[in-house]
Amino acid sequence: MKWNIQDIKCQNIQQKYEVTMSNRFEALIQEDLDVDELTQHAAKVITEMAEVLENTPKKAKKKWISNETMQLIERKRQLRNQQKRSAEYNDLKREIQNALRKDKQEWLEEKCTEVEEINRRHNTSGVYKMIKEITGKRGMRQMGNKDKYGKILTDGEQVLKRWKMHTENMYGQPEDQSDRRRFLHRRTEDEPTPLVEEVREAMKKLKNQKSPGCDGIPAELWKATGESGIRLMHRICNMIWRNRQWPTVDQTGTDANTKVRGLTKLQ
């Protein structure tokens, strides 16, 4: 099933989702389940909750959209899912376009009035802040290469020389044979189980808008579970680590467990 992942970004939906998943996942963590049962139950919980979110009322993504306009948009969304679109759908489209223009015009007039009032109080920083909110423009982040003294290089020839120096320092160091022998002959010991912080960092690095796993659950739904999802994934990773065995059918829906230290060795 293809989920509407964009809905999870709405604040009211994200909060409801995280709270509900926290209650369900905490109950799962307390149960005595093997790794197969735990991953299957987790996938089932996420799927059920995602279906509930599909019918949750949405909040406006733009600050200037009124609640009345959002109700019209929700009604249009319901009509759009019907096999045959009625004349009401086309009428709603025109009504929504007019309502959006009206909402934005009223919001702009209100903001301009606030800017004038702030300027009258000689609050320059407040004026710039309001203008930035209205225009939505963000400054470009300055990126560049630096020399060993921290000075930003702008000349192309200097940048190339800096890259050459960096590469030579990285790969030009002579290999210490004694260190190599100690590494090859050192005693192999079992590493400690993955930490919660490692699982948290691995889930944070999961890429959005990627094809889901075999259960059809995208990474966005796992990441949105919050701290309870991290604890549950940590337990799954530790069970895999201790038993040295992957679930019969990987139901986690993400590659977070393969990103955790050492788990790729079990593949």
C-alpha atoms as a PDB file:
ATOM      1  CA  MET A   1       0.000   0.000   0.000  1.00  0.00           C
ATOM      2  CA  LYS A   2       1.241   3.495  -0.811  1.00  0.00           C
ATOM      3  CA  TRP A   3       1.047   5.777   2.216  1.00  0.00           C
ATOM      4  CA  ASN A   4       0.579   9.527   2.096  1.00  0.00           C
ATOM      5  CA  ILE A   5       3.886  10.275   3.842  1.00  0.00           C
ATOM      6  CA  GLN A   6       3.425  14.036   3.557  1.00  0.00           C
ATOM      7  CA  ASP A   7       0.636  13.902   6.156  1.00  0.00           C
ATOM      8  CA  ILE A   8       3.084  12.791   8.864  1.00  0.00           C
ATOM      9  CA  LYS A   9       4.758  16.206   8.614  1.00  0.00           C
ATOM     10  CA  CYS A  10       1.632  17.952   9.918  1.00  0.00           C
ATOM     11  CA  GLN A  11       2.184  18.836  13.553  1.00  0.00           C
ATOM     12  CA  ASN A  12      -1.115  17.521  14.919  1.00  0.00           C
ATOM     13  CA  ILE A  13      -0.785  14.237  13.011  1.00  0.00           C
ATOM     14  CA  GLN A  14       2.867  13.752  13.959  1.00  0.00           C
ATOM     15  CA  GLN A  15       2.113  14.289  17.659  1.00  0.00           C
ATOM     16  CA  LYS A  16      -0.854  11.923  17.612  1.00  0.00           C
ATOM     17  CA  TYR A  17       1.176   9.316  15.767  1.00  0.00           C
ATOM     18  CA  GLU A  18       4.154   9.511  18.146  1.00  0.00           C
ATOM     19  CA  VAL A  19       2.008   9.312  21.307  1.00  0.00           C
ATOM     20  CA  THR A  20      -0.007   6.363  20.039  1.00  0.00           C
ATOM     21  CA  MET A  21       3.066   4.509  18.827  1.00  0.00           C
ATOM     22  CA  SER A  22       4.766   5.128  22.174  1.00  0.00           C
ATOM     23  CA  ASN A  23       1.935   3.403  24.043  1.00  0.00           C
ATOM     24  CA  ARG A  24       1.801   0.472  21.626  1.00  0.00           C
ATOM     25  CA  PHE A  25       5.575   0.008  21.401  1.00  0.00           C
ATOM     26  CA  GLU A  26       6.098   0.194  25.183  1.00  0.00           C
ATOM     27  CA  ALA A  27       3.633  -2.671  25.551  1.00  0.00           C
ATOM     28  CA  LEU A  28       5.537  -4.667  22.917  1.00  0.00           C
ATOM     29  CA  ILE A  29       8.864  -4.088  24.648  1.00  0.00           C
ATOM     30  CA  GLN A  30       7.471  -5.539  27.896  1.00  0.00           C
ATOM     31  CA  GLU A  31       6.271  -8.737  26.216  1.00  0.00           C
ATOM     32  CA  ASP A  32       8.402 -11.870  26.048  1.00  0.00           C
ATOM     33  CA  LEU A  33       8.682 -12.276  22.256  1.00  0.00           C
ATOM     34  CA  ASP A  34      11.345 -13.675  19.978  1.00  0.00           C
ATOM     35  CA  VAL A  35      12.826 -11.528  17.210  1.00  0.00           C
ATOM     36  CA  ASP A  36      10.416 -12.839  14.548  1.00  0.00           C
ATOM     37  CA  GLU A  37       7.333 -12.139  16.665  1.00  0.00           C
ATOM     38  CA  LEU A  38       8.636  -8.740  17.739  1.00  0.00           C
ATOM     39  CA  THR A  39       9.360  -7.520  14.211  1.00  0.00           C
ATOM     40  CA  GLN A  40       6.032  -8.820  12.909  1.00  0.00           C
ATOM     41  CA  HIS A  41       4.059  -7.154  15.714  1.00  0.00           C
ATOM     42  CA  ALA A  42       5.949  -3.884  15.226  1.00  0.00           C
ATOM     43  CA  ALA A  43       5.179  -3.859  11.508  1.00  0.00           C
ATOM     44  CA  LYS A  44       1.507  -4.602  12.216  1.00  0.00           C
ATOM     45  CA  VAL A  45       1.266  -1.744  14.728  1.00  0.00           C
ATOM     46  CA  ILE A  46       2.815   0.758  12.300  1.00  0.00           C
ATOM     47  CA  THR A  47       0.520  -0.385   9.468  1.00  0.00           C
ATOM     48  CA  GLU A  48      -2.611  -0.076  11.604  1.00  0.00           C
ATOM     49  CA  MET A  49      -1.656   3.377  12.840  1.00  0.00           C
ATOM     50  CA  ALA A  50      -0.782   4.587   9.342  1.00  0.00           C
ATOM     51  CA  GLU A  51      -4.277   3.596   8.188  1.00  0.00           C
ATOM     52  CA  VAL A  52      -5.795   5.655  11.022  1.00  0.00           C
ATOM     53  CA  LEU A  53      -3.708   8.669  10.031  1.00  0.00           C
ATOM     54  CA  GLU A  54      -5.118   8.570   6.517  1.00  0.00           C
ATOM     55  CA  ASN A  55      -8.468   9.706   7.997  1.00  0.00           C
ATOM     56  CA  THR A  56      -7.100  12.269  10.473  1.00  0.00           C
ATOM     57  CA  PRO A  57      -8.094  15.917   9.809  1.00  0.00           C
ATOM     58  CA  LYS A  58      -5.159  17.884   8.417  1.00  0.00           C
ATOM     59  CA  LYS A  59      -3.840  21.230   9.605  1.00  0.00           C
ATOM     60  CA  ALA A  60      -2.914  23.899   7.125  1.00  0.00           C
ATOM     61  CA  LYS A  61       0.690  23.768   5.896  1.00  0.00           C
ATOM     62  CA  LYS A  62       0.589  27.517   5.243  1.00  0.00           C
ATOM     63  CA  LYS A  63       0.005  29.865   8.162  1.00  0.00           C
ATOM     64  CA  TRP A  64      -2.378  32.036   6.209  1.00  0.00           C
ATOM     65  CA  ILE A  65      -4.863  29.290   5.261  1.00  0.00           C
ATOM     66  CA  SER A  66      -8.027  29.571   7.358  1.00  0.00           C
ATOM     67  CA  ASN A  67      -9.879  26.675   8.994  1.00  0.00           C
ATOM     68  CA  GLU A  68     -12.858  27.198   6.709  1.00  0.00           C
ATOM     69  CA  THR A  69     -10.646  26.815   3.635  1.00  0.00           C
ATOM     70  CA  MET A  70      -9.063  23.683   5.106  1.00  0.00           C
ATOM     71  CA  GLN A  71     -12.515  22.153   5.497  1.00  0.00           C
ATOM     72  CA  LEU A  72     -13.173  22.801   1.807  1.00  0.00           C
ATOM     73  CA  ILE A  73      -9.811  21.236   0.898  1.00  0.00           C
ATOM     74  CA  GLU A  74     -10.613  18.154   2.985  1.00  0.00           C
ATOM     75  CA  ARG A  75     -13.998  17.842   1.281  1.00  0.00           C
ATOM     76  CA  LYS A  76     -12.317  18.067  -2.126  1.00  0.00           C
ATOM     77  CA  ARG A  77      -9.834  15.362  -1.096  1.00  0.00           C
ATOM     78  CA  GLN A  78     -12.727  13.042  -0.237  1.00  0.00           C
ATOM     79  CA  LEU A  79     -14.416  13.672  -3.572  1.00  0.00           C
ATOM     80  CA  ARG A  80     -11.128  13.142  -5.430  1.00  0.00           C
ATOM     81  CA  ASN A  81     -10.899   9.575  -4.109  1.00  0.00           C
ATOM     82  CA  GLN A  82     -14.215   8.683  -5.714  1.00  0.00           C
ATOM     83  CA  GLN A  83     -14.116   6.783  -8.976  1.00  0.00           C
ATOM     84  CA  LYS A  84     -16.254   9.338 -10.798  1.00  0.00           C
ATOM     85  CA  ARG A  85     -15.766  12.984  -9.951  1.00  0.00           C
ATOM     86  CA  SER A  86     -18.978  14.965  -9.664  1.00  0.00           C
ATOM     87  CA  ALA A  87     -19.796  18.534 -10.588  1.00  0.00           C
ATOM     88  CA  GLU A  88     -19.390  19.385  -6.907  1.00  0.00           C
ATOM     89  CA  TYR A  89     -15.681  18.590  -7.189  1.00  0.00           C
ATOM     90  CA  ASN A  90     -15.144  21.140  -9.985  1.00  0.00           C
ATOM     91  CA  ASP A  91     -17.168  23.746  -8.095  1.00  0.00           C
ATOM     92  CA  LEU A  92     -15.073  23.127  -4.993  1.00  0.00           C
ATOM     93  CA  LYS A  93     -11.855  23.649  -6.932  1.00  0.00           C
ATOM     94  CA  ARG A  94     -12.954  27.119  -7.996  1.00  0.00           C
ATOM     95  CA  GLU A  95     -14.257  27.948  -4.524  1.00  0.00           C
ATOM     96  CA  ILE A  96     -10.994  26.848  -2.908  1.00  0.00           C
ATOM     97  CA  GLN A  97      -8.879  28.913  -5.307  1.00  0.00           C
ATOM     98  CA  ASN A  98     -10.910  32.020  -4.481  1.00  0.00           C
ATOM     99  CA  ALA A  99     -10.763  31.244  -0.746  1.00  0.00           C
ATOM    100  CA  LEU A 100      -6.972  30.775  -0.851  1.00  0.00           C
ATOM    101  CA  ARG A 101      -6.468  34.117  -2.609  1.00  0.00           C
ATOM    102  CA  LYS A 102      -8.703  35.821  -0.049  1.00  0.00           C
ATOM    103  CA  ASP A 103      -6.932  34.180   2.911  1.00  0.00           C
ATOM    104  CA  LYS A 104      -3.497  35.163   1.657  1.00  0.00           C
ATOM    105  CA  GLN A 105      -4.533  38.733   0.932  1.00  0.00           C
ATOM    106  CA  GLU A 106      -5.984  39.128   4.431  1.00  0.00           C
ATOM    107  CA  TRP A 107      -2.861  37.591   5.982  1.00  0.00           C
ATOM    108  CA  LEU A 108      -0.567  39.910   4.014  1.00  0.00           C
ATOM    109  CA  GLU A 109      -2.577  42.971   5.025  1.00  0.00           C
ATOM    110  CA  GLU A 110      -2.422  41.885   8.669  1.00  0.00           C
ATOM    111  CA  LYS A 111       1.344  41.353   8.489  1.00  0.00           C
ATOM    112  CA  CYS A 112       1.921  44.682   6.768  1.00  0.00           C
ATOM    113  CA  THR A 113       0.000  46.397   9.537  1.00  0.00           C
ATOM    114  CA  GLU A 114       2.234  44.656  12.094  1.00  0.00           C
ATOM    115  CA  VAL A 115       5.367  45.759  10.186  1.00  0.00           C
ATOM    116  CA  GLU A 116       4.186  49.367  10.221  1.00  0.00           C
ATOM    117  CA  GLU A 117       3.511  49.193  13.959  1.00  0.00           C
ATOM    118  CA  ILE A 118       6.927  47.635  14.673  1.00  0.00           C
ATOM    119  CA  ASN A 119       8.648  50.222  12.490  1.00  0.00           C
ATOM    120  CA  ARG A 120       6.819  52.983  14.342  1.00  0.00           C
ATOM    121  CA  ARG A 121       8.484  51.717  17.522  1.00  0.00           C
ATOM    122  CA  HIS A 122      11.892  51.872  15.736  1.00  0.00           C
ATOM    123  CA  ASN A 123      12.401  48.115  16.184  1.00  0.00           C
ATOM    124  CA  THR A 124      14.639  47.466  13.158  1.00  0.00           C
ATOM    125  CA  SER A 125      15.388  43.828  13.975  1.00  0.00           C
ATOM    126  CA  GLY A 126      11.672  43.138  14.379  1.00  0.00           C
ATOM    127  CA  VAL A 127      10.957  44.683  10.976  1.00  0.00           C
ATOM    128  CA  TYR A 128      13.543  42.478   9.263  1.00  0.00           C
ATOM    129  CA  LYS A 129      12.170  39.427  11.071  1.00  0.00           C
ATOM    130  CA  MET A 130       8.622  40.154   9.894  1.00  0.00           C
ATOM    131  CA  ILE A 131       9.750  40.804   6.316  1.00  0.00           C
ATOM    132  CA  LYS A 132      11.630  37.507   6.335  1.00  0.00           C
ATOM    133  CA  GLU A 133       8.479  35.742   7.542  1.00  0.00           C
ATOM    134  CA  ILE A 134       6.424  37.322   4.757  1.00  0.00           C
ATOM    135  CA  THR A 135       8.882  36.715   1.918  1.00  0.00           C
ATOM    136  CA  GLY A 136      10.115  33.351   3.182  1.00  0.00           C
ATOM    137  CA  LYS A 137      13.584  33.993   1.769  1.00  0.00           C
ATOM    138  CA  ARG A 138      16.585  32.343   3.353  1.00  0.00           C
ATOM    139  CA  GLY A 139      20.194  33.318   2.971  1.00  0.00           C
ATOM    140  CA  MET A 140      22.541  31.037   1.081  1.00  0.00           C
ATOM    141  CA  ARG A 141      24.996  29.164   3.235  1.00  0.00           C
ATOM    142  CA  GLN A 142      28.579  30.017   2.413  1.00  0.00           C
ATOM    143  CA  MET A 143      30.654  26.976   1.535  1.00  0.00           C
ATOM    144  CA  GLY A 144      34.309  26.811   0.569  1.00  0.00           C
ATOM    145  CA  ASN A 145      37.695  25.262   1.109  1.00  0.00           C
ATOM    146  CA  LYS A 146      39.985  26.547   3.847  1.00  0.00           C
ATOM    147  CA  ASP A 147      43.750  26.478   4.120  1.00  0.00           C
ATOM    148  CA  LYS A 148      45.547  25.048   7.146  1.00  0.00           C
ATOM    149  CA  TYR A 149      45.197  28.399   8.897  1.00  0.00           C
ATOM    150  CA  GLY A 150      41.408  28.471   8.490  1.00  0.00           C
ATOM    151  CA  LYS A 151      41.309  31.107   5.739  1.00  0.00           C
ATOM    152  CA  ILE A 152      38.659  30.555   3.034  1.00  0.00           C
ATOM    153  CA  LEU A 153      40.189  30.036  -0.418  1.00  0.00           C
ATOM    154  CA  THR A 154      38.488  31.747  -3.357  1.00  0.00           C
ATOM    155  CA  ASP A 155      41.083  31.335  -6.093  1.00  0.00           C
ATOM    156  CA  GLY A 156      40.630  28.192  -8.199  1.00  0.00           C
ATOM    157  CA  GLU A 157      44.336  27.447  -8.344  1.00  0.00           C
ATOM    158  CA  GLN A 158      44.659  27.677  -4.569  1.00  0.00           C
ATOM    159  CA  VAL A 159      41.681  25.346  -4.090  1.00  0.00           C
ATOM    160  CA  LEU A 160      43.279  22.717  -6.350  1.00  0.00           C
ATOM    161  CA  LYS A 161      46.580  22.972  -4.470  1.00  0.00           C
ATOM    162  CA  ARG A 162      44.739  22.578  -1.168  1.00  0.00           C
ATOM    163  CA  TRP A 163      42.995  19.433  -2.398  1.00  0.00           C
ATOM    164  CA  LYS A 164      46.349  18.077  -3.630  1.00  0.00           C
ATOM    165  CA  MET A 165      47.935  18.703  -0.224  1.00  0.00           C
ATOM    166  CA  HIS A 166      44.986  17.083   1.564  1.00  0.00           C
ATOM    167  CA  THR A 167      45.164  13.953  -0.626  1.00  0.00           C
ATOM    168  CA  GLU A 168      48.915  13.619  -0.194  1.00  0.00           C
ATOM    169  CA  ASN A 169      48.612  13.901   3.581  1.00  0.00           C
ATOM    170  CA  MET A 170      45.841  11.323   3.653  1.00  0.00           C
ATOM    171  CA  TYR A 171      47.406   8.635   1.439  1.00  0.00           C
ATOM    172  CA  GLY A 172      51.096   9.518   1.462  1.00  0.00           C
ATOM    173  CA  GLN A 173      51.881   8.451   5.021  1.00  0.00           C
ATOM    174  CA  PRO A 174      54.265   5.440   5.212  1.00  0.00           C
ATOM    175  CA  GLU A 175      52.665   2.346   6.670  1.00  0.00           C
ATOM    176  CA  ASP A 176      53.888   1.246  10.078  1.00  0.00           C
ATOM    177  CA  GLN A 177      54.543  -2.495   9.678  1.00  0.00           C
ATOM    178  CA  SER A 178      54.633  -3.067  13.443  1.00  0.00           C
ATOM    179  CA  ASP A 179      51.101  -1.638  13.785  1.00  0.00           C
ATOM    180  CA  ARG A 180      49.977  -3.816  10.887  1.00  0.00           C
ATOM    181  CA  ARG A 181      51.365  -6.985  12.535  1.00  0.00           C
ATOM    182  CA  ARG A 182      49.745  -6.124  15.863  1.00  0.00           C
ATOM    183  CA  PHE A 183      46.400  -5.616  14.101  1.00  0.00           C
ATOM    184  CA  LEU A 184      46.590  -8.926  12.218  1.00  0.00           C
ATOM    185  CA  HIS A 185      47.615 -10.978  15.244  1.00  0.00           C
ATOM    186  CA  ARG A 186      45.513  -9.395  17.946  1.00  0.00           C
ATOM    187  CA  ARG A 187      43.011 -11.586  19.760  1.00  0.00           C
ATOM    188  CA  THR A 188      39.485 -11.352  18.429  1.00  0.00           C
ATOM    189  CA  GLU A 189      36.986 -10.606  21.184  1.00  0.00           C
ATOM    190  CA  ASP A 190      33.229 -10.244  21.130  1.00  0.00           C
ATOM    191  CA  GLU A 191      32.169  -6.634  20.883  1.00  0.00           C
ATOM    192  CA  PRO A 192      29.539  -5.250  23.269  1.00  0.00           C
ATOM    193  CA  THR A 193      25.943  -5.074  22.090  1.00  0.00           C
ATOM    194  CA  PRO A 194      24.857  -1.966  20.137  1.00  0.00           C
ATOM    195  CA  LEU A 195      24.059   1.117  22.186  1.00  0.00           C
ATOM    196  CA  VAL A 196      20.831   3.091  22.093  1.00  0.00           C
ATOM    197  CA  GLU A 197      22.771   6.080  20.759  1.00  0.00           C
ATOM    198  CA  GLU A 198      24.033   3.998  17.833  1.00  0.00           C
ATOM    199  CA  VAL A 199      20.478   2.958  16.953  1.00  0.00           C
ATOM    200  CA  ARG A 200      19.267   6.560  17.294  1.00  0.00           C
ATOM    201  CA  GLU A 201      21.999   7.801  14.958  1.00  0.00           C
ATOM    202  CA  ALA A 202      21.308   5.001  12.444  1.00  0.00           C
ATOM    203  CA  MET A 203      17.570   5.783  12.320  1.00  0.00           C
ATOM    204  CA  LYS A 204      18.345   9.489  11.986  1.00  0.00           C
ATOM    205  CA  LYS A 205      20.463   8.757   8.902  1.00  0.00           C
ATOM    206  CA  LEU A 206      17.735   6.763   7.139  1.00  0.00           C
ATOM    207  CA  LYS A 207      16.939   8.462   3.853  1.00  0.00           C
ATOM    208  CA  ASN A 208      13.423   9.638   3.104  1.00  0.00           C
ATOM    209  CA  GLN A 209      11.448   9.025  -0.076  1.00  0.00           C
ATOM    210  CA  LYS A 210      13.061   5.636  -0.687  1.00  0.00           C
ATOM    211  CA  SER A 211      11.424   2.343  -1.628  1.00  0.00           C
ATOM    212  CA  PRO A 212      10.250   0.489   1.513  1.00  0.00           C
ATOM    213  CA  GLY A 213      11.168  -3.045   2.522  1.00  0.00           C
ATOM    214  CA  CYS A 214       9.215  -6.235   2.063  1.00  0.00           C
ATOM    215  CA  ASP A 215       6.415  -5.090   4.399  1.00  0.00           C
ATOM    216  CA  GLY A 216       5.813  -1.863   2.445  1.00  0.00           C
ATOM    217  CA  ILE A 217       6.541   0.425   5.435  1.00  0.00           C
ATOM    218  CA  PRO A 218       8.679   3.453   4.455  1.00  0.00           C
ATOM    219  CA  ALA A 219      11.449   4.771   6.679  1.00  0.00           C
ATOM    220  CA  GLU A 220       9.497   7.979   7.411  1.00  0.00           C
ATOM    221  CA  LEU A 221       6.926   6.047   9.465  1.00  0.00           C
ATOM    222  CA  TRP A 222       9.651   4.385  11.541  1.00  0.00           C
ATOM    223  CA  LYS A 223      11.482   7.684  12.120  1.00  0.00           C
ATOM    224  CA  ALA A 224       8.253   9.395  13.196  1.00  0.00           C
ATOM    225  CA  THR A 225       7.734   6.886  16.036  1.00  0.00           C
ATOM    226  CA  GLY A 226      10.152   8.912  18.139  1.00  0.00           C
ATOM    227  CA  GLU A 227      11.957   7.634  21.216  1.00  0.00           C
ATOM    228  CA  SER A 228       9.749   4.569  21.626  1.00  0.00           C
ATOM    229  CA  GLY A 229      10.590   3.446  18.095  1.00  0.00           C
ATOM    230  CA  ILE A 230      14.298   3.872  18.851  1.00  0.00           C
ATOM    231  CA  ARG A 231      14.007   1.716  21.994  1.00  0.00           C
ATOM    232  CA  LEU A 232      12.091  -0.984  20.135  1.00  0.00           C
ATOM    233  CA  MET A 233      14.593  -1.016  17.277  1.00  0.00           C
ATOM    234  CA  HIS A 234      17.395  -1.149  19.856  1.00  0.00           C
ATOM    235  CA  ARG A 235      15.860  -4.277  21.370  1.00  0.00           C
ATOM    236  CA  ILE A 236      15.502  -5.862  17.919  1.00  0.00           C
ATOM    237  CA  CYS A 237      19.135  -5.083  17.094  1.00  0.00           C
ATOM    238  CA  ASN A 238      20.326  -6.531  20.396  1.00  0.00           C
ATOM    239  CA  MET A 239      18.341  -9.721  19.870  1.00  0.00           C
ATOM    240  CA  ILE A 240      19.878 -10.084  16.399  1.00  0.00           C
ATOM    241  CA  TRP A 241      23.330  -9.370  17.836  1.00  0.00           C
ATOM    242  CA  ARG A 242      23.103 -11.910  20.664  1.00  0.00           C
ATOM    243  CA  ASN A 243      21.461 -14.684  18.615  1.00  0.00           C
ATOM    244  CA  ARG A 244      23.591 -13.973  15.526  1.00  0.00           C
ATOM    245  CA  GLN A 245      20.532 -14.556  13.375  1.00  0.00           C
ATOM    246  CA  TRP A 246      18.306 -12.275  11.314  1.00  0.00           C
ATOM    247  CA  PRO A 247      14.499 -12.515  11.505  1.00  0.00           C
ATOM    248  CA  THR A 248      13.074 -15.208   9.228  1.00  0.00           C
ATOM    249  CA  VAL A 249      11.337 -12.449   7.252  1.00  0.00           C
ATOM    250  CA  ASP A 250      12.733  -8.979   7.909  1.00  0.00           C
ATOM    251  CA  GLN A 251       9.624  -7.055   8.978  1.00  0.00           C
ATOM    252  CA  THR A 252      11.386  -3.934  10.249  1.00  0.00           C
ATOM    253  CA  GLY A 253      10.838  -2.208   6.913  1.00  0.00           C
ATOM    254  CA  THR A 254      14.121  -0.241   7.203  1.00  0.00           C
ATOM    255  CA  ASP A 255      17.832  -0.771   6.920  1.00  0.00           C
ATOM    256  CA  ALA A 256      18.458   0.841  10.318  1.00  0.00           C
ATOM    257  CA  ASN A 257      19.650  -2.431  11.805  1.00  0.00           C
ATOM    258  CA  THR A 258      22.241  -2.850   9.053  1.00  0.00           C
ATOM    259  CA  LYS A 259      23.537   0.657   9.779  1.00  0.00           C
ATOM    260  CA  VAL A 260      24.197  -0.152  13.432  1.00  0.00           C
ATOM    261  CA  ARG A 261      27.792  -1.029  14.273  1.00  0.00           C
ATOM    262  CA  GLY A 262      28.742  -4.562  13.309  1.00  0.00           C
ATOM    263  CA  LEU A 263      25.332  -5.910  12.331  1.00  0.00           C
ATOM    264  CA  THR A 264      26.337  -6.002   8.676  1.00  0.00           C
ATOM    265  CA  LYS A 265      28.795  -8.746   9.634  1.00  0.00           C
ATOM    266  CA  LEU A 266      25.876 -11.081  10.247  1.00  0.00           C
ATOM    267  CA  GLN A 267      24.652 -10.836   6.680  1.00  0.00           C
END
